[in-house]
Amino acid sequence: MDFTVDCQPSPDEVMRAVCLGAKRQFRPLRLTLPTVMVAVGLLCLLVDAIALGIGMFAGAAVVPLALRWAVRWVARRQLGYLCRPTTVHVTSDSYEVRTDQSAVTMRWSLFDRIDSTPEFWLLFMNRQFAAFLPKRVFDDEQRRRLESLFAARQKTAADHGAR
């Protein structure tokens, strides 16, 4: 596999990809923290610490909103770097992203997870969202080859994890 495509991600596209990646990365935190805060709030009410209990309930409601706001704020700060004419060169070993300001090459082996969504491939390193590839920039044959590559990598990773 060896092909090159040119694209320019739009601000909306980058925002959707980053928000999806962060949502998947922070899912355990988004579920666990409010649950713990509600449990602590109930415990506070049981021991007559009413104000602290109400604060915990309020915090449980605010945490998901604050997390969503923080992700969008970080994504907006990156738009200038990510919304540029970009050349993506893909091989079976790696992919390279080049703009007028940077060139980054990443080996597929760096990614421990690659999630496929209808619009993107979301790439994760050490369980953290690291990058995305918009599917729209690849033709049908290139998408099929990438899906096969990612499926083979998932199978290999699963086989190594089972040992």
N, C-alpha and C. Protein backbone atom coordinates (compact mmCIF):
# COMPACT_ATOMS: atom_id res chain seq x y z
N MET A 1 0.85 -1.17 0.00
CA MET A 1 0.00 0.00 0.00
C MET A 1 0.90 1.23 0.00
N ASP A 2 0.59 2.14 -0.87
CA ASP A 2 1.35 3.38 -0.96
C ASP A 2 0.53 4.36 -1.79
N PHE A 3 -0.08 5.33 -1.13
CA PHE A 3 -0.83 6.35 -1.87
C PHE A 3 -0.78 7.68 -1.13
N THR A 4 -1.06 8.73 -1.89
CA THR A 4 -1.01 10.09 -1.36
C THR A 4 -2.30 10.81 -1.72
N VAL A 5 -2.84 11.56 -0.75
CA VAL A 5 -4.05 12.35 -0.99
C VAL A 5 -3.83 13.75 -0.45
N ASP A 6 -4.51 14.71 -1.05
CA ASP A 6 -4.47 16.10 -0.59
C ASP A 6 -5.83 16.47 -0.02
N CYS A 7 -5.81 17.27 1.04
CA CYS A 7 -7.07 17.70 1.65
C CYS A 7 -6.84 18.98 2.43
N GLN A 8 -7.93 19.57 2.87
CA GLN A 8 -7.88 20.68 3.80
C GLN A 8 -9.06 20.52 4.74
N PRO A 9 -8.80 20.01 5.96
CA PRO A 9 -9.90 19.84 6.91
C PRO A 9 -10.57 21.17 7.24
N SER A 10 -11.89 21.16 7.30
CA SER A 10 -12.62 22.37 7.67
C SER A 10 -12.66 22.50 9.19
N PRO A 11 -12.87 23.69 9.71
CA PRO A 11 -12.98 23.86 11.16
C PRO A 11 -14.07 22.96 11.77
N ASP A 12 -15.22 22.84 11.10
CA ASP A 12 -16.28 21.98 11.63
C ASP A 12 -15.84 20.52 11.67
N GLU A 13 -15.15 20.09 10.63
CA GLU A 13 -14.68 18.71 10.55
C GLU A 13 -13.67 18.42 11.68
N VAL A 14 -12.74 19.33 11.87
CA VAL A 14 -11.74 19.16 12.94
C VAL A 14 -12.44 19.12 14.30
N MET A 15 -13.38 20.02 14.51
CA MET A 15 -14.09 20.07 15.78
C MET A 15 -14.84 18.74 16.03
N ARG A 16 -15.51 18.22 15.01
CA ARG A 16 -16.23 16.95 15.16
C ARG A 16 -15.28 15.82 15.48
N ALA A 17 -14.15 15.75 14.79
CA ALA A 17 -13.19 14.68 15.02
C ALA A 17 -12.59 14.75 16.42
N VAL A 18 -12.17 15.94 16.82
CA VAL A 18 -11.56 16.11 18.14
C VAL A 18 -12.58 15.80 19.24
N CYS A 19 -13.80 16.27 19.08
CA CYS A 19 -14.83 16.00 20.09
C CYS A 19 -15.16 14.51 20.17
N LEU A 20 -15.23 13.85 19.03
CA LEU A 20 -15.47 12.40 19.04
C LEU A 20 -14.32 11.65 19.71
N GLY A 21 -13.09 12.02 19.35
CA GLY A 21 -11.92 11.37 19.95
C GLY A 21 -11.86 11.58 21.45
N ALA A 22 -12.09 12.81 21.88
CA ALA A 22 -12.06 13.11 23.32
C ALA A 22 -13.20 12.41 24.05
N LYS A 23 -14.37 12.37 23.42
CA LYS A 23 -15.51 11.69 24.04
C LYS A 23 -15.18 10.22 24.30
N ARG A 24 -14.53 9.59 23.34
CA ARG A 24 -14.17 8.18 23.51
C ARG A 24 -13.02 8.03 24.51
N GLN A 25 -12.08 8.96 24.51
CA GLN A 25 -10.97 8.90 25.45
C GLN A 25 -11.44 9.09 26.89
N PHE A 26 -12.32 10.06 27.10
CA PHE A 26 -12.73 10.41 28.45
C PHE A 26 -14.00 9.70 28.92
N ARG A 27 -14.49 8.74 28.16
CA ARG A 27 -15.74 8.05 28.51
C ARG A 27 -15.71 7.51 29.95
N PRO A 28 -14.66 6.80 30.37
CA PRO A 28 -14.66 6.31 31.75
C PRO A 28 -14.77 7.44 32.78
N LEU A 29 -14.05 8.54 32.53
CA LEU A 29 -14.11 9.68 33.45
C LEU A 29 -15.50 10.32 33.45
N ARG A 30 -16.08 10.48 32.26
CA ARG A 30 -17.41 11.10 32.15
C ARG A 30 -18.47 10.28 32.88
N LEU A 31 -18.29 8.97 32.94
CA LEU A 31 -19.27 8.12 33.61
C LEU A 31 -18.97 7.96 35.10
N THR A 32 -17.71 7.79 35.43
CA THR A 32 -17.33 7.48 36.81
C THR A 32 -17.40 8.68 37.74
N LEU A 33 -16.82 9.80 37.35
CA LEU A 33 -16.73 10.95 38.25
C LEU A 33 -18.10 11.44 38.72
N PRO A 34 -19.07 11.67 37.82
CA PRO A 34 -20.38 12.10 38.32
C PRO A 34 -21.05 11.05 39.22
N THR A 35 -20.87 9.78 38.91
CA THR A 35 -21.44 8.72 39.74
C THR A 35 -20.85 8.76 41.15
N VAL A 36 -19.54 8.90 41.22
CA VAL A 36 -18.87 8.99 42.53
C VAL A 36 -19.34 10.24 43.27
N MET A 37 -19.47 11.34 42.55
CA MET A 37 -19.91 12.58 43.20
C MET A 37 -21.34 12.45 43.75
N VAL A 38 -22.22 11.78 43.03
CA VAL A 38 -23.58 11.56 43.52
C VAL A 38 -23.55 10.68 44.77
N ALA A 39 -22.73 9.62 44.74
CA ALA A 39 -22.63 8.72 45.89
C ALA A 39 -22.10 9.47 47.11
N VAL A 40 -21.08 10.28 46.91
CA VAL A 40 -20.53 11.07 48.02
C VAL A 40 -21.56 12.09 48.49
N GLY A 41 -22.31 12.67 47.54
CA GLY A 41 -23.37 13.62 47.91
C GLY A 41 -24.42 12.95 48.79
N LEU A 42 -24.81 11.74 48.44
CA LEU A 42 -25.78 11.00 49.27
C LEU A 42 -25.21 10.71 50.65
N LEU A 43 -23.96 10.33 50.69
CA LEU A 43 -23.30 10.07 51.98
C LEU A 43 -23.26 11.35 52.82
N CYS A 44 -22.97 12.46 52.19
CA CYS A 44 -22.94 13.74 52.91
C CYS A 44 -24.32 14.06 53.49
N LEU A 45 -25.37 13.82 52.70
CA LEU A 45 -26.72 14.07 53.21
C LEU A 45 -27.04 13.18 54.41
N LEU A 46 -26.57 11.94 54.35
CA LEU A 46 -26.83 11.00 55.45
C LEU A 46 -26.14 11.42 56.74
N VAL A 47 -25.00 12.10 56.63
CA VAL A 47 -24.28 12.53 57.84
C VAL A 47 -24.54 14.01 58.14
N ASP A 48 -25.60 14.54 57.58
CA ASP A 48 -26.04 15.91 57.84
C ASP A 48 -25.10 17.00 57.34
N ALA A 49 -24.31 16.70 56.32
CA ALA A 49 -23.48 17.72 55.69
C ALA A 49 -24.23 18.16 54.43
N ILE A 50 -25.34 18.86 54.63
CA ILE A 50 -26.28 19.20 53.56
C ILE A 50 -25.62 20.05 52.47
N ALA A 51 -24.92 21.10 52.86
CA ALA A 51 -24.30 21.99 51.88
C ALA A 51 -23.29 21.24 51.01
N LEU A 52 -22.48 20.40 51.64
CA LEU A 52 -21.50 19.63 50.89
C LEU A 52 -22.19 18.63 49.96
N GLY A 53 -23.25 18.01 50.43
CA GLY A 53 -24.02 17.07 49.60
C GLY A 53 -24.60 17.75 48.38
N ILE A 54 -25.20 18.94 48.59
CA ILE A 54 -25.76 19.69 47.46
C ILE A 54 -24.65 20.10 46.49
N GLY A 55 -23.50 20.47 47.03
CA GLY A 55 -22.35 20.82 46.19
C GLY A 55 -21.91 19.64 45.34
N MET A 56 -21.92 18.47 45.92
CA MET A 56 -21.54 17.26 45.16
C MET A 56 -22.55 16.98 44.05
N PHE A 57 -23.84 17.14 44.32
CA PHE A 57 -24.86 16.94 43.28
C PHE A 57 -24.68 17.96 42.14
N ALA A 58 -24.42 19.20 42.53
CA ALA A 58 -24.21 20.24 41.52
C ALA A 58 -22.96 19.93 40.69
N GLY A 59 -21.91 19.51 41.37
CA GLY A 59 -20.67 19.15 40.67
C GLY A 59 -20.89 18.00 39.69
N ALA A 60 -21.69 17.02 40.10
CA ALA A 60 -21.98 15.88 39.23
C ALA A 60 -22.69 16.33 37.95
N ALA A 61 -23.49 17.37 38.06
CA ALA A 61 -24.18 17.89 36.87
C ALA A 61 -23.26 18.76 36.02
N VAL A 62 -22.34 19.45 36.65
CA VAL A 62 -21.48 20.40 35.95
C VAL A 62 -20.27 19.74 35.28
N VAL A 63 -19.74 18.68 35.87
CA VAL A 63 -18.52 18.05 35.35
C VAL A 63 -18.63 17.67 33.87
N PRO A 64 -19.70 16.98 33.43
CA PRO A 64 -19.76 16.64 32.00
C PRO A 64 -19.80 17.88 31.10
N LEU A 65 -20.50 18.92 31.54
CA LEU A 65 -20.57 20.16 30.75
C LEU A 65 -19.21 20.84 30.70
N ALA A 66 -18.51 20.88 31.82
CA ALA A 66 -17.19 21.51 31.87
C ALA A 66 -16.19 20.73 31.02
N LEU A 67 -16.28 19.42 31.04
CA LEU A 67 -15.38 18.60 30.23
C LEU A 67 -15.62 18.86 28.74
N ARG A 68 -16.88 18.91 28.34
CA ARG A 68 -17.22 19.19 26.94
C ARG A 68 -16.70 20.58 26.54
N TRP A 69 -16.89 21.56 27.40
CA TRP A 69 -16.41 22.92 27.12
C TRP A 69 -14.89 22.92 26.98
N ALA A 70 -14.18 22.23 27.87
CA ALA A 70 -12.72 22.21 27.83
C ALA A 70 -12.20 21.58 26.54
N VAL A 71 -12.84 20.51 26.10
CA VAL A 71 -12.42 19.85 24.86
C VAL A 71 -12.62 20.79 23.68
N ARG A 72 -13.76 21.46 23.62
CA ARG A 72 -14.02 22.39 22.52
C ARG A 72 -13.03 23.56 22.55
N TRP A 73 -12.69 24.04 23.72
CA TRP A 73 -11.75 25.15 23.86
C TRP A 73 -10.37 24.73 23.33
N VAL A 74 -9.90 23.55 23.70
CA VAL A 74 -8.62 23.05 23.22
C VAL A 74 -8.66 22.86 21.71
N ALA A 75 -9.75 22.29 21.20
CA ALA A 75 -9.87 22.06 19.76
C ALA A 75 -9.83 23.39 18.99
N ARG A 76 -10.54 24.39 19.48
CA ARG A 76 -10.55 25.69 18.80
C ARG A 76 -9.14 26.28 18.73
N ARG A 77 -8.34 26.07 19.75
CA ARG A 77 -6.97 26.59 19.76
C ARG A 77 -6.10 25.89 18.71
N GLN A 78 -6.47 24.69 18.29
CA GLN A 78 -5.69 23.92 17.32
C GLN A 78 -6.13 24.14 15.88
N LEU A 79 -7.25 24.82 15.67
CA LEU A 79 -7.80 24.96 14.32
C LEU A 79 -6.81 25.56 13.33
N GLY A 80 -6.06 26.56 13.77
CA GLY A 80 -5.10 27.21 12.88
C GLY A 80 -4.03 26.27 12.37
N TYR A 81 -3.67 25.28 13.17
CA TYR A 81 -2.65 24.32 12.76
C TYR A 81 -3.23 23.19 11.92
N LEU A 82 -4.48 22.85 12.17
CA LEU A 82 -5.08 21.67 11.54
C LEU A 82 -5.87 21.97 10.27
N CYS A 83 -6.31 23.20 10.10
CA CYS A 83 -7.14 23.55 8.94
C CYS A 83 -6.29 24.19 7.85
N ARG A 84 -5.32 23.46 7.38
CA ARG A 84 -4.40 23.93 6.35
C ARG A 84 -4.41 22.94 5.19
N PRO A 85 -4.03 23.40 4.01
CA PRO A 85 -3.85 22.42 2.94
C PRO A 85 -2.85 21.35 3.40
N THR A 86 -3.25 20.12 3.27
CA THR A 86 -2.50 19.00 3.86
C THR A 86 -2.33 17.89 2.84
N THR A 87 -1.16 17.28 2.84
CA THR A 87 -0.89 16.10 2.03
C THR A 87 -0.70 14.92 2.98
N VAL A 88 -1.45 13.86 2.74
CA VAL A 88 -1.36 12.66 3.57
C VAL A 88 -0.78 11.55 2.69
N HIS A 89 0.35 11.00 3.13
CA HIS A 89 0.99 9.89 2.42
C HIS A 89 0.86 8.65 3.30
N VAL A 90 0.22 7.62 2.75
CA VAL A 90 -0.07 6.40 3.51
C VAL A 90 0.70 5.23 2.92
N THR A 91 1.36 4.47 3.80
CA THR A 91 1.96 3.20 3.41
C THR A 91 1.47 2.14 4.37
N SER A 92 1.84 0.91 4.15
CA SER A 92 1.40 -0.15 5.05
C SER A 92 2.10 -0.07 6.41
N ASP A 93 3.20 0.69 6.50
CA ASP A 93 3.93 0.84 7.76
C ASP A 93 3.60 2.11 8.53
N SER A 94 3.20 3.17 7.80
CA SER A 94 3.05 4.47 8.45
C SER A 94 2.18 5.40 7.61
N TYR A 95 1.96 6.56 8.19
CA TYR A 95 1.36 7.64 7.40
C TYR A 95 2.10 8.93 7.74
N GLU A 96 2.15 9.81 6.76
CA GLU A 96 2.82 11.09 6.93
C GLU A 96 1.83 12.20 6.59
N VAL A 97 1.82 13.24 7.42
CA VAL A 97 0.98 14.41 7.19
C VAL A 97 1.91 15.60 7.00
N ARG A 98 1.76 16.26 5.84
CA ARG A 98 2.61 17.42 5.53
C ARG A 98 1.73 18.65 5.29
N THR A 99 2.13 19.75 5.88
CA THR A 99 1.52 21.05 5.59
C THR A 99 2.65 22.00 5.25
N ASP A 100 2.30 23.27 5.04
CA ASP A 100 3.34 24.25 4.75
C ASP A 100 4.21 24.53 5.97
N GLN A 101 3.77 24.11 7.16
CA GLN A 101 4.52 24.39 8.38
C GLN A 101 5.10 23.16 9.07
N SER A 102 4.65 21.97 8.68
CA SER A 102 5.13 20.79 9.40
C SER A 102 5.05 19.54 8.55
N ALA A 103 5.79 18.54 9.00
CA ALA A 103 5.72 17.20 8.42
C ALA A 103 5.85 16.22 9.58
N VAL A 104 4.88 15.34 9.71
CA VAL A 104 4.88 14.38 10.80
C VAL A 104 4.66 12.99 10.21
N THR A 105 5.51 12.06 10.59
CA THR A 105 5.35 10.68 10.17
C THR A 105 5.07 9.84 11.42
N MET A 106 4.03 9.02 11.34
CA MET A 106 3.65 8.17 12.46
C MET A 106 3.56 6.73 11.97
N ARG A 107 4.21 5.83 12.66
CA ARG A 107 4.10 4.40 12.33
C ARG A 107 2.79 3.88 12.90
N TRP A 108 2.14 2.99 12.15
CA TRP A 108 0.88 2.42 12.62
C TRP A 108 1.08 1.70 13.95
N SER A 109 2.26 1.14 14.17
CA SER A 109 2.51 0.39 15.40
C SER A 109 2.46 1.28 16.65
N LEU A 110 2.54 2.60 16.49
CA LEU A 110 2.42 3.51 17.64
C LEU A 110 1.01 3.54 18.21
N PHE A 111 0.03 3.21 17.38
CA PHE A 111 -1.37 3.34 17.79
C PHE A 111 -1.87 2.04 18.40
N ASP A 112 -2.38 2.13 19.61
CA ASP A 112 -2.91 0.93 20.26
C ASP A 112 -4.38 0.71 19.91
N ARG A 113 -5.00 1.71 19.32
CA ARG A 113 -6.41 1.58 18.95
C ARG A 113 -6.70 2.52 17.79
N ILE A 114 -7.48 2.01 16.84
CA ILE A 114 -7.96 2.83 15.73
C ILE A 114 -9.46 2.58 15.62
N ASP A 115 -10.24 3.59 15.95
CA ASP A 115 -11.70 3.49 15.90
C ASP A 115 -12.20 4.02 14.56
N SER A 116 -13.13 3.29 13.99
CA SER A 116 -13.74 3.72 12.74
C SER A 116 -15.12 4.31 13.03
N THR A 117 -15.36 5.51 12.55
CA THR A 117 -16.68 6.13 12.64
C THR A 117 -17.14 6.33 11.19
N PRO A 118 -18.37 6.73 10.97
CA PRO A 118 -18.79 6.97 9.58
C PRO A 118 -17.95 8.03 8.86
N GLU A 119 -17.40 8.97 9.62
CA GLU A 119 -16.71 10.10 9.01
C GLU A 119 -15.18 10.06 9.13
N PHE A 120 -14.67 9.39 10.18
CA PHE A 120 -13.24 9.44 10.48
C PHE A 120 -12.70 8.08 10.92
N TRP A 121 -11.36 7.99 10.88
CA TRP A 121 -10.64 7.00 11.67
C TRP A 121 -10.01 7.80 12.80
N LEU A 122 -10.28 7.40 14.02
CA LEU A 122 -9.74 8.06 15.20
C LEU A 122 -8.57 7.22 15.70
N LEU A 123 -7.40 7.84 15.85
CA LEU A 123 -6.18 7.13 16.20
C LEU A 123 -5.80 7.44 17.65
N PHE A 124 -5.56 6.38 18.43
CA PHE A 124 -5.26 6.51 19.85
C PHE A 124 -3.89 5.93 20.16
N MET A 125 -3.10 6.68 20.94
CA MET A 125 -1.80 6.21 21.44
C MET A 125 -1.89 6.18 22.96
N ASN A 126 -1.53 5.07 23.55
CA ASN A 126 -1.60 4.93 25.01
C ASN A 126 -2.99 5.33 25.53
N ARG A 127 -4.01 4.90 24.83
CA ARG A 127 -5.41 5.15 25.16
C ARG A 127 -5.80 6.63 25.11
N GLN A 128 -4.96 7.45 24.49
CA GLN A 128 -5.27 8.87 24.36
C GLN A 128 -5.46 9.22 22.90
N PHE A 129 -6.47 10.02 22.62
CA PHE A 129 -6.74 10.45 21.26
C PHE A 129 -5.54 11.22 20.73
N ALA A 130 -5.01 10.80 19.58
CA ALA A 130 -3.79 11.41 19.06
C ALA A 130 -3.98 12.07 17.69
N ALA A 131 -4.84 11.50 16.85
CA ALA A 131 -4.98 12.03 15.49
C ALA A 131 -6.24 11.47 14.86
N PHE A 132 -6.55 12.00 13.69
CA PHE A 132 -7.69 11.47 12.94
C PHE A 132 -7.39 11.54 11.45
N LEU A 133 -8.03 10.66 10.72
CA LEU A 133 -7.97 10.69 9.26
C LEU A 133 -9.39 10.80 8.75
N PRO A 134 -9.70 11.84 7.99
CA PRO A 134 -11.05 11.96 7.44
C PRO A 134 -11.24 10.98 6.28
N LYS A 135 -12.27 10.17 6.35
CA LYS A 135 -12.51 9.15 5.33
C LYS A 135 -12.82 9.77 3.97
N ARG A 136 -13.42 10.95 3.96
CA ARG A 136 -13.86 11.56 2.70
C ARG A 136 -12.72 11.83 1.73
N VAL A 137 -11.48 11.94 2.22
CA VAL A 137 -10.36 12.28 1.33
C VAL A 137 -9.82 11.06 0.59
N PHE A 138 -10.25 9.87 0.97
CA PHE A 138 -9.78 8.65 0.34
C PHE A 138 -10.86 8.11 -0.59
N ASP A 139 -10.44 7.55 -1.73
CA ASP A 139 -11.43 6.93 -2.61
C ASP A 139 -11.84 5.56 -2.04
N ASP A 140 -12.82 4.92 -2.67
CA ASP A 140 -13.36 3.67 -2.15
C ASP A 140 -12.30 2.59 -1.98
N GLU A 141 -11.44 2.46 -2.96
CA GLU A 141 -10.38 1.43 -2.89
C GLU A 141 -9.40 1.73 -1.76
N GLN A 142 -9.01 2.98 -1.60
CA GLN A 142 -8.09 3.36 -0.52
C GLN A 142 -8.74 3.12 0.84
N ARG A 143 -10.02 3.47 0.97
CA ARG A 143 -10.74 3.22 2.24
C ARG A 143 -10.78 1.73 2.55
N ARG A 144 -11.06 0.93 1.54
CA ARG A 144 -11.12 -0.52 1.74
C ARG A 144 -9.76 -1.05 2.20
N ARG A 145 -8.70 -0.58 1.57
CA ARG A 145 -7.36 -1.05 1.94
C ARG A 145 -6.99 -0.61 3.35
N LEU A 146 -7.35 0.62 3.72
CA LEU A 146 -7.08 1.08 5.08
C LEU A 146 -7.89 0.27 6.10
N GLU A 147 -9.16 0.02 5.81
CA GLU A 147 -9.98 -0.79 6.71
C GLU A 147 -9.36 -2.17 6.91
N SER A 148 -8.87 -2.78 5.83
CA SER A 148 -8.22 -4.09 5.92
C SER A 148 -6.96 -4.02 6.78
N LEU A 149 -6.16 -2.98 6.57
CA LEU A 149 -4.95 -2.81 7.36
C LEU A 149 -5.29 -2.67 8.85
N PHE A 150 -6.27 -1.83 9.15
CA PHE A 150 -6.64 -1.60 10.55
C PHE A 150 -7.24 -2.86 11.18
N ALA A 151 -8.04 -3.58 10.42
CA ALA A 151 -8.63 -4.83 10.93
C ALA A 151 -7.54 -5.85 11.23
N ALA A 152 -6.54 -5.96 10.34
CA ALA A 152 -5.43 -6.89 10.56
C ALA A 152 -4.63 -6.48 11.80
N ARG A 153 -4.43 -5.19 11.98
CA ARG A 153 -3.70 -4.70 13.17
C ARG A 153 -4.47 -5.01 14.44
N GLN A 154 -5.80 -4.82 14.42
CA GLN A 154 -6.63 -5.12 15.59
C GLN A 154 -6.53 -6.61 15.93
N LYS A 155 -6.59 -7.46 14.90
CA LYS A 155 -6.52 -8.91 15.11
C LYS A 155 -5.17 -9.29 15.70
N THR A 156 -4.09 -8.72 15.16
CA THR A 156 -2.75 -9.00 15.68
C THR A 156 -2.62 -8.53 17.12
N ALA A 157 -3.14 -7.34 17.41
CA ALA A 157 -3.08 -6.82 18.79
C ALA A 157 -3.88 -7.71 19.73
N ALA A 158 -5.05 -8.18 19.28
CA ALA A 158 -5.87 -9.06 20.11
C ALA A 158 -5.16 -10.40 20.33
N ASP A 159 -4.51 -10.92 19.31
CA ASP A 159 -3.77 -12.18 19.44
C ASP A 159 -2.63 -12.04 20.44
N HIS A 160 -1.91 -10.91 20.39
CA HIS A 160 -0.82 -10.68 21.34
C HIS A 160 -1.34 -10.49 22.76
N GLY A 161 -2.50 -9.85 22.88
CA GLY A 161 -3.10 -9.63 24.20
C GLY A 161 -3.60 -10.91 24.83
N ALA A 162 -3.96 -11.91 24.00
CA ALA A 162 -4.49 -13.17 24.52
C ALA A 162 -3.38 -14.08 25.04
N ARG A 163 -2.16 -13.79 24.69
CA ARG A 163 -1.05 -14.66 25.12
C ARG A 163 -0.67 -14.43 26.53
